[in-house]
Amino acid sequence: MLKNLLVCALDLGMKYMCKCECVWLPSQLVTSARYLRVHLKSSFTFKCSFAANKAKFYKTFNCIFGKIGRIASEEVIFALIKSKCLPILLYGTEACPVNSAMRHSLQFCLNRALLKNIWCPV
C-alpha cells in the first residue's frame, strides 16, 4: 500500500524567489528544510540556519549546570561543556559555509555559557 508522500522543494540560486512551474510531483515550496539535522535555508547562496543548534546548546548547558551547579569545579564544568555541549553547537558547520556573522553568533552562545559559569552569583 502506498502512503501519501509530502514532497517539498527548496529553491537555491539566483531565482529562488521566482514561482517554479517545472516540478512534476505535487509539491510545495518551502523556505527551509532539515536534512540530517542540518537546517537549510532558501536563499541566493547555500545557507544553513543554526538557530536550532543554539537552542539545543542552551538546553543542554542549562540541564548540566542545573544538575551540578556550584558543586563541581570549573575544570569539570569546562570539560562537560567541551564534551557534551560544544558538539551540539558546532554540528553541521563542516557541511555549511560559515560567514563571520554566523561565527560571532555561535561564539556568543559559548561566551554566555562560560560567563554564566564564572560570574553566576553563589
PDB file of N, CA and C in Angstrom:
ATOM      1  N   MET A   1       0.842  -1.168   0.000  1.00  0.00           N
ATOM      2  CA  MET A   1       0.000   0.000   0.000  1.00  0.00           C
ATOM      3  C   MET A   1       0.895   1.242   0.000  1.00  0.00           C
ATOM      4  N   LEU A   2       0.594   2.173  -0.848  1.00  0.00           N
ATOM      5  CA  LEU A   2       1.359   3.411  -0.920  1.00  0.00           C
ATOM      6  C   LEU A   2       0.819   4.410   0.098  1.00  0.00           C
ATOM      7  N   LYS A   3       1.720   5.036   0.781  1.00  0.00           N
ATOM      8  CA  LYS A   3       1.325   6.071   1.723  1.00  0.00           C
ATOM      9  C   LYS A   3       1.384   7.416   1.027  1.00  0.00           C
ATOM     10  N   ASN A   4       0.635   8.366   1.542  1.00  0.00           N
ATOM     11  CA  ASN A   4       0.683   9.716   0.993  1.00  0.00           C
ATOM     12  C   ASN A   4       2.040  10.332   1.300  1.00  0.00           C
ATOM     13  N   LEU A   5       2.696  10.798   0.268  1.00  0.00           N
ATOM     14  CA  LEU A   5       4.002  11.416   0.431  1.00  0.00           C
ATOM     15  C   LEU A   5       3.874  12.921   0.282  1.00  0.00           C
ATOM     16  N   LEU A   6       4.504  13.639   1.169  1.00  0.00           N
ATOM     17  CA  LEU A   6       4.559  15.086   1.073  1.00  0.00           C
ATOM     18  C   LEU A   6       5.928  15.450   0.526  1.00  0.00           C
ATOM     19  N   VAL A   7       5.950  16.012  -0.656  1.00  0.00           N
ATOM     20  CA  VAL A   7       7.193  16.384  -1.299  1.00  0.00           C
ATOM     21  C   VAL A   7       7.340  17.889  -1.192  1.00  0.00           C
ATOM     22  N   CYS A   8       8.486  18.319  -0.708  1.00  0.00           N
ATOM     23  CA  CYS A   8       8.770  19.739  -0.577  1.00  0.00           C
ATOM     24  C   CYS A   8       9.968  20.082  -1.442  1.00  0.00           C
ATOM     25  N   ALA A   9       9.947  21.262  -1.995  1.00  0.00           N
ATOM     26  CA  ALA A   9      11.056  21.732  -2.814  1.00  0.00           C
ATOM     27  C   ALA A   9      11.675  22.953  -2.153  1.00  0.00           C
ATOM     28  N   LEU A  10      12.989  22.992  -2.160  1.00  0.00           N
ATOM     29  CA  LEU A  10      13.743  24.098  -1.597  1.00  0.00           C
ATOM     30  C   LEU A  10      14.563  24.694  -2.725  1.00  0.00           C
ATOM     31  N   ASP A  11      14.295  25.949  -3.052  1.00  0.00           N
ATOM     32  CA  ASP A  11      14.988  26.615  -4.144  1.00  0.00           C
ATOM     33  C   ASP A  11      16.261  27.274  -3.654  1.00  0.00           C
ATOM     34  N   LEU A  12      17.305  27.115  -4.429  1.00  0.00           N
ATOM     35  CA  LEU A  12      18.578  27.773  -4.172  1.00  0.00           C
ATOM     36  C   LEU A  12      19.027  28.443  -5.463  1.00  0.00           C
ATOM     37  N   GLY A  13      19.767  29.503  -5.350  1.00  0.00           N
ATOM     38  CA  GLY A  13      20.312  30.141  -6.534  1.00  0.00           C
ATOM     39  C   GLY A  13      19.666  31.477  -6.830  1.00  0.00           C
ATOM     40  N   MET A  14      19.938  31.985  -8.044  1.00  0.00           N
ATOM     41  CA  MET A  14      19.512  33.334  -8.403  1.00  0.00           C
ATOM     42  C   MET A  14      18.003  33.487  -8.472  1.00  0.00           C
ATOM     43  N   LYS A  15      17.273  32.447  -8.815  1.00  0.00           N
ATOM     44  CA  LYS A  15      15.828  32.568  -8.969  1.00  0.00           C
ATOM     45  C   LYS A  15      15.077  31.884  -7.829  1.00  0.00           C
ATOM     46  N   TYR A  16      15.610  31.991  -6.628  1.00  0.00           N
ATOM     47  CA  TYR A  16      14.975  31.297  -5.516  1.00  0.00           C
ATOM     48  C   TYR A  16      13.652  31.926  -5.111  1.00  0.00           C
ATOM     49  N   MET A  17      13.393  33.164  -5.496  1.00  0.00           N
ATOM     50  CA  MET A  17      12.136  33.823  -5.150  1.00  0.00           C
ATOM     51  C   MET A  17      11.079  33.676  -6.244  1.00  0.00           C
ATOM     52  N   CYS A  18      11.452  33.145  -7.399  1.00  0.00           N
ATOM     53  CA  CYS A  18      10.513  33.019  -8.517  1.00  0.00           C
ATOM     54  C   CYS A  18       9.600  31.826  -8.319  1.00  0.00           C
ATOM     55  N   LYS A  19       8.446  31.887  -8.951  1.00  0.00           N
ATOM     56  CA  LYS A  19       7.482  30.794  -8.916  1.00  0.00           C
ATOM     57  C   LYS A  19       7.965  29.687  -9.843  1.00  0.00           C
ATOM     58  N   CYS A  20       8.003  28.476  -9.362  1.00  0.00           N
ATOM     59  CA  CYS A  20       8.501  27.346 -10.145  1.00  0.00           C
ATOM     60  C   CYS A  20       7.320  26.541 -10.669  1.00  0.00           C
ATOM     61  N   GLU A  21       7.258  26.363 -11.968  1.00  0.00           N
ATOM     62  CA  GLU A  21       6.187  25.597 -12.598  1.00  0.00           C
ATOM     63  C   GLU A  21       6.697  24.274 -13.150  1.00  0.00           C
ATOM     64  N   CYS A  22       7.991  23.994 -12.984  1.00  0.00           N
ATOM     65  CA  CYS A  22       8.567  22.820 -13.625  1.00  0.00           C
ATOM     66  C   CYS A  22       8.595  21.583 -12.734  1.00  0.00           C
ATOM     67  N   VAL A  23       8.080  21.655 -11.521  1.00  0.00           N
ATOM     68  CA  VAL A  23       8.087  20.497 -10.634  1.00  0.00           C
ATOM     69  C   VAL A  23       6.957  19.572 -11.040  1.00  0.00           C
ATOM     70  N   TRP A  24       7.297  18.342 -11.314  1.00  0.00           N
ATOM     71  CA  TRP A  24       6.301  17.393 -11.812  1.00  0.00           C
ATOM     72  C   TRP A  24       5.493  16.755 -10.706  1.00  0.00           C
ATOM     73  N   LEU A  25       6.084  16.564  -9.565  1.00  0.00           N
ATOM     74  CA  LEU A  25       5.362  15.953  -8.464  1.00  0.00           C
ATOM     75  C   LEU A  25       4.529  17.002  -7.737  1.00  0.00           C
ATOM     76  N   PRO A  26       3.435  16.602  -7.140  1.00  0.00           N
ATOM     77  CA  PRO A  26       2.696  17.579  -6.335  1.00  0.00           C
ATOM     78  C   PRO A  26       3.539  17.982  -5.133  1.00  0.00           C
ATOM     79  N   SER A  27       3.995  19.204  -5.142  1.00  0.00           N
ATOM     80  CA  SER A  27       4.903  19.637  -4.088  1.00  0.00           C
ATOM     81  C   SER A  27       4.540  21.043  -3.641  1.00  0.00           C
ATOM     82  N   GLN A  28       5.185  21.467  -2.608  1.00  0.00           N
ATOM     83  CA  GLN A  28       5.035  22.825  -2.129  1.00  0.00           C
ATOM     84  C   GLN A  28       6.425  23.404  -1.918  1.00  0.00           C
ATOM     85  N   LEU A  29       6.563  24.674  -2.190  1.00  0.00           N
ATOM     86  CA  LEU A  29       7.843  25.341  -1.994  1.00  0.00           C
ATOM     87  C   LEU A  29       7.966  25.769  -0.542  1.00  0.00           C
ATOM     88  N   VAL A  30       9.099  25.504   0.058  1.00  0.00           N
ATOM     89  CA  VAL A  30       9.339  25.854   1.450  1.00  0.00           C
ATOM     90  C   VAL A  30      10.553  26.776   1.528  1.00  0.00           C
ATOM     91  N   THR A  31      10.671  27.501   2.629  1.00  0.00           N
ATOM     92  CA  THR A  31      11.798  28.415   2.795  1.00  0.00           C
ATOM     93  C   THR A  31      12.936  27.782   3.585  1.00  0.00           C
ATOM     94  N   SER A  32      12.675  26.683   4.263  1.00  0.00           N
ATOM     95  CA  SER A  32      13.738  25.981   4.977  1.00  0.00           C
ATOM     96  C   SER A  32      13.404  24.490   5.008  1.00  0.00           C
ATOM     97  N   ALA A  33      14.453  23.691   5.111  1.00  0.00           N
ATOM     98  CA  ALA A  33      14.286  22.245   5.171  1.00  0.00           C
ATOM     99  C   ALA A  33      15.353  21.677   6.093  1.00  0.00           C
ATOM    100  N   ARG A  34      15.046  20.529   6.684  1.00  0.00           N
ATOM    101  CA  ARG A  34      16.001  19.865   7.569  1.00  0.00           C
ATOM    102  C   ARG A  34      16.438  18.562   6.912  1.00  0.00           C
ATOM    103  N   TYR A  35      17.752  18.401   6.778  1.00  0.00           N
ATOM    104  CA  TYR A  35      18.308  17.185   6.212  1.00  0.00           C
ATOM    105  C   TYR A  35      19.484  16.763   7.073  1.00  0.00           C
ATOM    106  N   LEU A  36      19.415  15.584   7.664  1.00  0.00           N
ATOM    107  CA  LEU A  36      20.438  15.066   8.565  1.00  0.00           C
ATOM    108  C   LEU A  36      20.744  16.039   9.702  1.00  0.00           C
ATOM    109  N   ARG A  37      19.714  16.587  10.308  1.00  0.00           N
ATOM    110  CA  ARG A  37      19.774  17.546  11.412  1.00  0.00           C
ATOM    111  C   ARG A  37      20.463  18.853  11.056  1.00  0.00           C
ATOM    112  N   VAL A  38      20.639  19.133   9.781  1.00  0.00           N
ATOM    113  CA  VAL A  38      21.177  20.412   9.338  1.00  0.00           C
ATOM    114  C   VAL A  38      20.014  21.173   8.713  1.00  0.00           C
ATOM    115  N   HIS A  39      19.765  22.390   9.179  1.00  0.00           N
ATOM    116  CA  HIS A  39      18.650  23.193   8.695  1.00  0.00           C
ATOM    117  C   HIS A  39      19.134  24.063   7.535  1.00  0.00           C
ATOM    118  N   LEU A  40      18.628  23.783   6.337  1.00  0.00           N
ATOM    119  CA  LEU A  40      18.994  24.521   5.134  1.00  0.00           C
ATOM    120  C   LEU A  40      18.001  25.642   4.908  1.00  0.00           C
ATOM    121  N   LYS A  41      18.492  26.779   4.416  1.00  0.00           N
ATOM    122  CA  LYS A  41      17.636  27.933   4.148  1.00  0.00           C
ATOM    123  C   LYS A  41      17.609  28.213   2.653  1.00  0.00           C
ATOM    124  N   SER A  42      16.459  28.627   2.164  1.00  0.00           N
ATOM    125  CA  SER A  42      16.320  29.020   0.778  1.00  0.00           C
ATOM    126  C   SER A  42      16.867  30.431   0.617  1.00  0.00           C
ATOM    127  N   SER A  43      17.839  30.583  -0.262  1.00  0.00           N
ATOM    128  CA  SER A  43      18.444  31.897  -0.462  1.00  0.00           C
ATOM    129  C   SER A  43      19.209  31.909  -1.772  1.00  0.00           C
ATOM    130  N   PHE A  44      19.813  33.035  -2.040  1.00  0.00           N
ATOM    131  CA  PHE A  44      20.609  33.224  -3.253  1.00  0.00           C
ATOM    132  C   PHE A  44      21.818  32.290  -3.256  1.00  0.00           C
ATOM    133  N   THR A  45      22.428  32.100  -2.112  1.00  0.00           N
ATOM    134  CA  THR A  45      23.554  31.194  -1.965  1.00  0.00           C
ATOM    135  C   THR A  45      23.182  30.076  -1.000  1.00  0.00           C
ATOM    136  N   PHE A  46      24.023  29.080  -0.891  1.00  0.00           N
ATOM    137  CA  PHE A  46      23.784  27.955   0.005  1.00  0.00           C
ATOM    138  C   PHE A  46      23.987  28.427   1.439  1.00  0.00           C
ATOM    139  N   LYS A  47      22.930  28.370   2.258  1.00  0.00           N
ATOM    140  CA  LYS A  47      22.990  28.830   3.648  1.00  0.00           C
ATOM    141  C   LYS A  47      22.341  27.805   4.563  1.00  0.00           C
ATOM    142  N   CYS A  48      22.800  27.832   5.786  1.00  0.00           N
ATOM    143  CA  CYS A  48      22.228  26.991   6.824  1.00  0.00           C
ATOM    144  C   CYS A  48      21.807  27.862   8.000  1.00  0.00           C
ATOM    145  N   SER A  49      20.873  27.362   8.764  1.00  0.00           N
ATOM    146  CA  SER A  49      20.415  28.061   9.963  1.00  0.00           C
ATOM    147  C   SER A  49      20.888  27.278  11.184  1.00  0.00           C
ATOM    148  N   PHE A  50      21.482  27.978  12.125  1.00  0.00           N
ATOM    149  CA  PHE A  50      21.981  27.342  13.336  1.00  0.00           C
ATOM    150  C   PHE A  50      21.132  27.701  14.552  1.00  0.00           C
ATOM    151  N   ALA A  51      19.934  28.194  14.354  1.00  0.00           N
ATOM    152  CA  ALA A  51      19.063  28.572  15.478  1.00  0.00           C
ATOM    153  C   ALA A  51      18.688  27.351  16.319  1.00  0.00           C
ATOM    154  N   ALA A  52      18.404  26.237  15.676  1.00  0.00           N
ATOM    155  CA  ALA A  52      18.047  25.022  16.419  1.00  0.00           C
ATOM    156  C   ALA A  52      19.254  24.500  17.194  1.00  0.00           C
ATOM    157  N   ASN A  53      20.441  24.604  16.605  1.00  0.00           N
ATOM    158  CA  ASN A  53      21.655  24.181  17.306  1.00  0.00           C
ATOM    159  C   ASN A  53      21.880  25.024  18.560  1.00  0.00           C
ATOM    160  N   LYS A  54      21.669  26.332  18.438  1.00  0.00           N
ATOM    161  CA  LYS A  54      21.866  27.209  19.588  1.00  0.00           C
ATOM    162  C   LYS A  54      20.848  26.906  20.685  1.00  0.00           C
ATOM    163  N   ALA A  55      19.610  26.652  20.311  1.00  0.00           N
ATOM    164  CA  ALA A  55      18.586  26.331  21.310  1.00  0.00           C
ATOM    165  C   ALA A  55      18.909  25.021  22.027  1.00  0.00           C
ATOM    166  N   LYS A  56      19.362  24.015  21.287  1.00  0.00           N
ATOM    167  CA  LYS A  56      19.731  22.740  21.908  1.00  0.00           C
ATOM    168  C   LYS A  56      20.981  22.886  22.780  1.00  0.00           C
ATOM    169  N   PHE A  57      21.905  23.742  22.362  1.00  0.00           N
ATOM    170  CA  PHE A  57      23.104  24.002  23.162  1.00  0.00           C
ATOM    171  C   PHE A  57      22.718  24.597  24.512  1.00  0.00           C
ATOM    172  N   TYR A  58      21.856  25.627  24.501  1.00  0.00           N
ATOM    173  CA  TYR A  58      21.422  26.245  25.750  1.00  0.00           C
ATOM    174  C   TYR A  58      20.654  25.257  26.625  1.00  0.00           C
ATOM    175  N   LYS A  59      19.827  24.429  25.988  1.00  0.00           N
ATOM    176  CA  LYS A  59      19.056  23.441  26.737  1.00  0.00           C
ATOM    177  C   LYS A  59      19.985  22.439  27.419  1.00  0.00           C
ATOM    178  N   THR A  60      20.985  21.958  26.705  1.00  0.00           N
ATOM    179  CA  THR A  60      21.934  21.001  27.268  1.00  0.00           C
ATOM    180  C   THR A  60      22.779  21.638  28.358  1.00  0.00           C
ATOM    181  N   PHE A  61      23.249  22.858  28.112  1.00  0.00           N
ATOM    182  CA  PHE A  61      24.059  23.546  29.127  1.00  0.00           C
ATOM    183  C   PHE A  61      23.258  23.793  30.396  1.00  0.00           C
ATOM    184  N   ASN A  62      22.026  24.257  30.267  1.00  0.00           N
ATOM    185  CA  ASN A  62      21.201  24.516  31.449  1.00  0.00           C
ATOM    186  C   ASN A  62      20.894  23.229  32.206  1.00  0.00           C
ATOM    187  N   CYS A  63      20.739  22.135  31.493  1.00  0.00           N
ATOM    188  CA  CYS A  63      20.496  20.850  32.142  1.00  0.00           C
ATOM    189  C   CYS A  63      21.722  20.424  32.955  1.00  0.00           C
ATOM    190  N   ILE A  64      22.896  20.525  32.339  1.00  0.00           N
ATOM    191  CA  ILE A  64      24.124  20.158  33.040  1.00  0.00           C
ATOM    192  C   ILE A  64      24.374  21.095  34.217  1.00  0.00           C
ATOM    193  N   PHE A  65      24.270  22.394  33.978  1.00  0.00           N
ATOM    194  CA  PHE A  65      24.545  23.371  35.022  1.00  0.00           C
ATOM    195  C   PHE A  65      23.508  23.288  36.143  1.00  0.00           C
ATOM    196  N   GLY A  66      22.272  22.948  35.800  1.00  0.00           N
ATOM    197  CA  GLY A  66      21.241  22.793  36.821  1.00  0.00           C
ATOM    198  C   GLY A  66      21.472  21.588  37.709  1.00  0.00           C
ATOM    199  N   LYS A  67      22.048  20.525  37.150  1.00  0.00           N
ATOM    200  CA  LYS A  67      22.297  19.315  37.942  1.00  0.00           C
ATOM    201  C   LYS A  67      23.501  19.475  38.868  1.00  0.00           C
ATOM    202  N   ILE A  68      24.594  20.058  38.333  1.00  0.00           N
ATOM    203  CA  ILE A  68      25.811  20.104  39.142  1.00  0.00           C
ATOM    204  C   ILE A  68      26.022  21.447  39.821  1.00  0.00           C
ATOM    205  N   GLY A  69      25.491  22.524  39.235  1.00  0.00           N
ATOM    206  CA  GLY A  69      25.580  23.841  39.841  1.00  0.00           C
ATOM    207  C   GLY A  69      26.980  24.234  40.238  1.00  0.00           C
ATOM    208  N   ARG A  70      27.153  24.658  41.486  1.00  0.00           N
ATOM    209  CA  ARG A  70      28.448  25.077  42.006  1.00  0.00           C
ATOM    210  C   ARG A  70      29.181  23.947  42.734  1.00  0.00           C
ATOM    211  N   ILE A  71      28.634  22.741  42.696  1.00  0.00           N
ATOM    212  CA  ILE A  71      29.259  21.619  43.408  1.00  0.00           C
ATOM    213  C   ILE A  71      30.572  21.223  42.739  1.00  0.00           C
ATOM    214  N   ALA A  72      30.576  21.149  41.416  1.00  0.00           N
ATOM    215  CA  ALA A  72      31.766  20.718  40.687  1.00  0.00           C
ATOM    216  C   ALA A  72      32.715  21.893  40.475  1.00  0.00           C
ATOM    217  N   SER A  73      33.961  21.560  40.233  1.00  0.00           N
ATOM    218  CA  SER A  73      34.959  22.603  39.981  1.00  0.00           C
ATOM    219  C   SER A  73      34.793  23.151  38.567  1.00  0.00           C
ATOM    220  N   GLU A  74      35.449  24.269  38.301  1.00  0.00           N
ATOM    221  CA  GLU A  74      35.350  24.891  36.980  1.00  0.00           C
ATOM    222  C   GLU A  74      35.930  24.003  35.897  1.00  0.00           C
ATOM    223  N   GLU A  75      36.985  23.245  36.218  1.00  0.00           N
ATOM    224  CA  GLU A  75      37.591  22.354  35.237  1.00  0.00           C
ATOM    225  C   GLU A  75      36.618  21.273  34.795  1.00  0.00           C
ATOM    226  N   VAL A  76      35.861  20.736  35.737  1.00  0.00           N
ATOM    227  CA  VAL A  76      34.879  19.703  35.408  1.00  0.00           C
ATOM    228  C   VAL A  76      33.764  20.288  34.550  1.00  0.00           C
ATOM    229  N   ILE A  77      33.302  21.474  34.901  1.00  0.00           N
ATOM    230  CA  ILE A  77      32.242  22.114  34.115  1.00  0.00           C
ATOM    231  C   ILE A  77      32.724  22.415  32.712  1.00  0.00           C
ATOM    232  N   PHE A  78      33.959  22.918  32.568  1.00  0.00           N
ATOM    233  CA  PHE A  78      34.505  23.195  31.238  1.00  0.00           C
ATOM    234  C   PHE A  78      34.653  21.912  30.428  1.00  0.00           C
ATOM    235  N   ALA A  79      35.070  20.822  31.079  1.00  0.00           N
ATOM    236  CA  ALA A  79      35.203  19.542  30.370  1.00  0.00           C
ATOM    237  C   ALA A  79      33.841  19.031  29.905  1.00  0.00           C
ATOM    238  N   LEU A  80      32.816  19.200  30.737  1.00  0.00           N
ATOM    239  CA  LEU A  80      31.469  18.773  30.336  1.00  0.00           C
ATOM    240  C   LEU A  80      30.923  19.628  29.183  1.00  0.00           C
ATOM    241  N   ILE A  81      31.189  20.935  29.241  1.00  0.00           N
ATOM    242  CA  ILE A  81      30.759  21.810  28.141  1.00  0.00           C
ATOM    243  C   ILE A  81      31.458  21.406  26.858  1.00  0.00           C
ATOM    244  N   LYS A  82      32.748  21.125  26.948  1.00  0.00           N
ATOM    245  CA  LYS A  82      33.515  20.751  25.760  1.00  0.00           C
ATOM    246  C   LYS A  82      33.067  19.422  25.186  1.00  0.00           C
ATOM    247  N   SER A  83      32.746  18.458  26.050  1.00  0.00           N
ATOM    248  CA  SER A  83      32.408  17.126  25.556  1.00  0.00           C
ATOM    249  C   SER A  83      30.933  16.960  25.200  1.00  0.00           C
ATOM    250  N   LYS A  84      30.029  17.646  25.894  1.00  0.00           N
ATOM    251  CA  LYS A  84      28.590  17.432  25.675  1.00  0.00           C
ATOM    252  C   LYS A  84      27.914  18.563  24.905  1.00  0.00           C
ATOM    253  N   CYS A  85      28.244  19.805  25.204  1.00  0.00           N
ATOM    254  CA  CYS A  85      27.521  20.944  24.628  1.00  0.00           C
ATOM    255  C   CYS A  85      28.116  21.439  23.314  1.00  0.00           C
ATOM    256  N   LEU A  86      29.430  21.498  23.251  1.00  0.00           N
ATOM    257  CA  LEU A  86      30.082  22.046  22.072  1.00  0.00           C
ATOM    258  C   LEU A  86      29.797  21.264  20.790  1.00  0.00           C
ATOM    259  N   PRO A  87      29.767  19.918  20.801  1.00  0.00           N
ATOM    260  CA  PRO A  87      29.399  19.203  19.570  1.00  0.00           C
ATOM    261  C   PRO A  87      27.991  19.512  19.089  1.00  0.00           C
ATOM    262  N   ILE A  88      27.084  19.790  20.010  1.00  0.00           N
ATOM    263  CA  ILE A  88      25.713  20.147  19.616  1.00  0.00           C
ATOM    264  C   ILE A  88      25.708  21.491  18.908  1.00  0.00           C
ATOM    265  N   LEU A  89      26.467  22.436  19.435  1.00  0.00           N
ATOM    266  CA  LEU A  89      26.516  23.771  18.846  1.00  0.00           C
ATOM    267  C   LEU A  89      27.184  23.758  17.475  1.00  0.00           C
ATOM    268  N   LEU A  90      28.235  22.977  17.318  1.00  0.00           N
ATOM    269  CA  LEU A  90      29.020  23.001  16.088  1.00  0.00           C
ATOM    270  C   LEU A  90      28.585  21.975  15.051  1.00  0.00           C
ATOM    271  N   TYR A  91      27.507  21.228  15.320  1.00  0.00           N
ATOM    272  CA  TYR A  91      27.056  20.222  14.362  1.00  0.00           C
ATOM    273  C   TYR A  91      26.602  20.900  13.066  1.00  0.00           C
ATOM    274  N   GLY A  92      27.123  20.469  11.974  1.00  0.00           N
ATOM    275  CA  GLY A  92      26.736  20.990  10.665  1.00  0.00           C
ATOM    276  C   GLY A  92      27.595  22.123  10.156  1.00  0.00           C
ATOM    277  N   THR A  93      28.553  22.591  10.954  1.00  0.00           N
ATOM    278  CA  THR A  93      29.383  23.697  10.487  1.00  0.00           C
ATOM    279  C   THR A  93      30.367  23.248   9.415  1.00  0.00           C
ATOM    280  N   GLU A  94      30.685  21.960   9.352  1.00  0.00           N
ATOM    281  CA  GLU A  94      31.559  21.466   8.300  1.00  0.00           C
ATOM    282  C   GLU A  94      30.843  21.381   6.968  1.00  0.00           C
ATOM    283  N   ALA A  95      29.533  21.161   7.018  1.00  0.00           N
ATOM    284  CA  ALA A  95      28.764  20.993   5.788  1.00  0.00           C
ATOM    285  C   ALA A  95      28.317  22.323   5.182  1.00  0.00           C
ATOM    286  N   CYS A  96      28.247  23.349   5.988  1.00  0.00           N
ATOM    287  CA  CYS A  96      27.728  24.634   5.527  1.00  0.00           C
ATOM    288  C   CYS A  96      28.813  25.710   5.621  1.00  0.00           C
ATOM    289  N   PRO A  97      28.797  26.629   4.684  1.00  0.00           N
ATOM    290  CA  PRO A  97      29.737  27.746   4.798  1.00  0.00           C
ATOM    291  C   PRO A  97      29.324  28.663   5.954  1.00  0.00           C
ATOM    292  N   VAL A  98      30.286  29.015   6.780  1.00  0.00           N
ATOM    293  CA  VAL A  98      30.013  29.851   7.952  1.00  0.00           C
ATOM    294  C   VAL A  98      30.699  31.196   7.741  1.00  0.00           C
ATOM    295  N   ASN A  99      29.897  32.249   7.636  1.00  0.00           N
ATOM    296  CA  ASN A  99      30.479  33.583   7.488  1.00  0.00           C
ATOM    297  C   ASN A  99      30.780  34.171   8.874  1.00  0.00           C
ATOM    298  N   SER A 100      31.314  35.369   8.888  1.00  0.00           N
ATOM    299  CA  SER A 100      31.746  35.950  10.163  1.00  0.00           C
ATOM    300  C   SER A 100      30.561  36.234  11.092  1.00  0.00           C
ATOM    301  N   ALA A 101      29.415  36.607  10.554  1.00  0.00           N
ATOM    302  CA  ALA A 101      28.253  36.879  11.408  1.00  0.00           C
ATOM    303  C   ALA A 101      27.784  35.599  12.105  1.00  0.00           C
ATOM    304  N   MET A 102      27.740  34.487  11.374  1.00  0.00           N
ATOM    305  CA  MET A 102      27.352  33.220  11.998  1.00  0.00           C
ATOM    306  C   MET A 102      28.391  32.775  13.017  1.00  0.00           C
ATOM    307  N   ARG A 103      29.659  32.974  12.688  1.00  0.00           N
ATOM    308  CA  ARG A 103      30.728  32.592  13.607  1.00  0.00           C
ATOM    309  C   ARG A 103      30.624  33.384  14.911  1.00  0.00           C
ATOM    310  N   HIS A 104      30.344  34.686  14.806  1.00  0.00           N
ATOM    311  CA  HIS A 104      30.189  35.510  16.009  1.00  0.00           C
ATOM    312  C   HIS A 104      28.948  35.101  16.799  1.00  0.00           C
ATOM    313  N   SER A 105      27.904  34.701  16.115  1.00  0.00           N
ATOM    314  CA  SER A 105      26.689  34.259  16.790  1.00  0.00           C
ATOM    315  C   SER A 105      26.937  32.972  17.581  1.00  0.00           C
ATOM    316  N   LEU A 106      27.662  32.026  16.979  1.00  0.00           N
ATOM    317  CA  LEU A 106      27.988  30.791  17.684  1.00  0.00           C
ATOM    318  C   LEU A 106      28.961  31.057  18.834  1.00  0.00           C
ATOM    319  N   GLN A 107      29.896  31.960  18.622  1.00  0.00           N
ATOM    320  CA  GLN A 107      30.849  32.318  19.674  1.00  0.00           C
ATOM    321  C   GLN A 107      30.146  33.003  20.843  1.00  0.00           C
ATOM    322  N   PHE A 108      29.124  33.800  20.555  1.00  0.00           N
ATOM    323  CA  PHE A 108      28.354  34.476  21.603  1.00  0.00           C
ATOM    324  C   PHE A 108      27.675  33.459  22.513  1.00  0.00           C
ATOM    325  N   CYS A 109      27.115  32.394  21.930  1.00  0.00           N
ATOM    326  CA  CYS A 109      26.474  31.353  22.744  1.00  0.00           C
ATOM    327  C   CYS A 109      27.470  30.724  23.703  1.00  0.00           C
ATOM    328  N   LEU A 110      28.638  30.401  23.198  1.00  0.00           N
ATOM    329  CA  LEU A 110      29.654  29.787  24.041  1.00  0.00           C
ATOM    330  C   LEU A 110      30.132  30.760  25.122  1.00  0.00           C
ATOM    331  N   ASN A 111      30.314  32.020  24.760  1.00  0.00           N
ATOM    332  CA  ASN A 111      30.735  33.022  25.751  1.00  0.00           C
ATOM    333  C   ASN A 111      29.707  33.188  26.856  1.00  0.00           C
ATOM    334  N   ARG A 112      28.424  33.211  26.508  1.00  0.00           N
ATOM    335  CA  ARG A 112      27.372  33.345  27.520  1.00  0.00           C
ATOM    336  C   ARG A 112      27.398  32.174  28.491  1.00  0.00           C
ATOM    337  N   ALA A 113      27.600  30.971  27.956  1.00  0.00           N
ATOM    338  CA  ALA A 113      27.628  29.794  28.826  1.00  0.00           C
ATOM    339  C   ALA A 113      28.831  29.833  29.755  1.00  0.00           C
ATOM    340  N   LEU A 114      29.981  30.225  29.227  1.00  0.00           N
ATOM    341  CA  LEU A 114      31.178  30.281  30.070  1.00  0.00           C
ATOM    342  C   LEU A 114      31.082  31.403  31.092  1.00  0.00           C
ATOM    343  N   LEU A 115      30.526  32.552  30.708  1.00  0.00           N
ATOM    344  CA  LEU A 115      30.386  33.653  31.658  1.00  0.00           C
ATOM    345  C   LEU A 115      29.371  33.342  32.744  1.00  0.00           C
ATOM    346  N   LYS A 116      28.341  32.571  32.393  1.00  0.00           N
ATOM    347  CA  LYS A 116      27.370  32.172  33.418  1.00  0.00           C
ATOM    348  C   LYS A 116      28.038  31.283  34.452  1.00  0.00           C
ATOM    349  N   ASN A 117      28.951  30.455  33.979  1.00  0.00           N
ATOM    350  CA  ASN A 117      29.664  29.570  34.894  1.00  0.00           C
ATOM    351  C   ASN A 117      30.596  30.359  35.809  1.00  0.00           C
ATOM    352  N   ILE A 118      31.275  31.365  35.277  1.00  0.00           N
ATOM    353  CA  ILE A 118      32.268  32.105  36.056  1.00  0.00           C
ATOM    354  C   ILE A 118      31.610  33.148  36.954  1.00  0.00           C
ATOM    355  N   TRP A 119      30.648  33.904  36.420  1.00  0.00           N
ATOM    356  CA  TRP A 119      30.106  35.048  37.151  1.00  0.00           C
ATOM    357  C   TRP A 119      28.747  34.814  37.777  1.00  0.00           C
ATOM    358  N   CYS A 120      28.279  33.621  37.797  1.00  0.00           N
ATOM    359  CA  CYS A 120      26.975  33.336  38.405  1.00  0.00           C
ATOM    360  C   CYS A 120      27.078  33.544  39.905  1.00  0.00           C
ATOM    361  N   PRO A 121      26.192  34.342  40.478  1.00  0.00           N
ATOM    362  CA  PRO A 121      26.261  34.559  41.936  1.00  0.00           C
ATOM    363  C   PRO A 121      25.957  33.282  42.710  1.00  0.00           C
ATOM    364  N   VAL A 122      26.664  33.117  43.793  1.00  0.00           N
ATOM    365  CA  VAL A 122      26.509  31.898  44.603  1.00  0.00           C
ATOM    366  C   VAL A 122      25.297  32.008  45.493  1.00  0.00           C
TER     367      VAL A 122
END
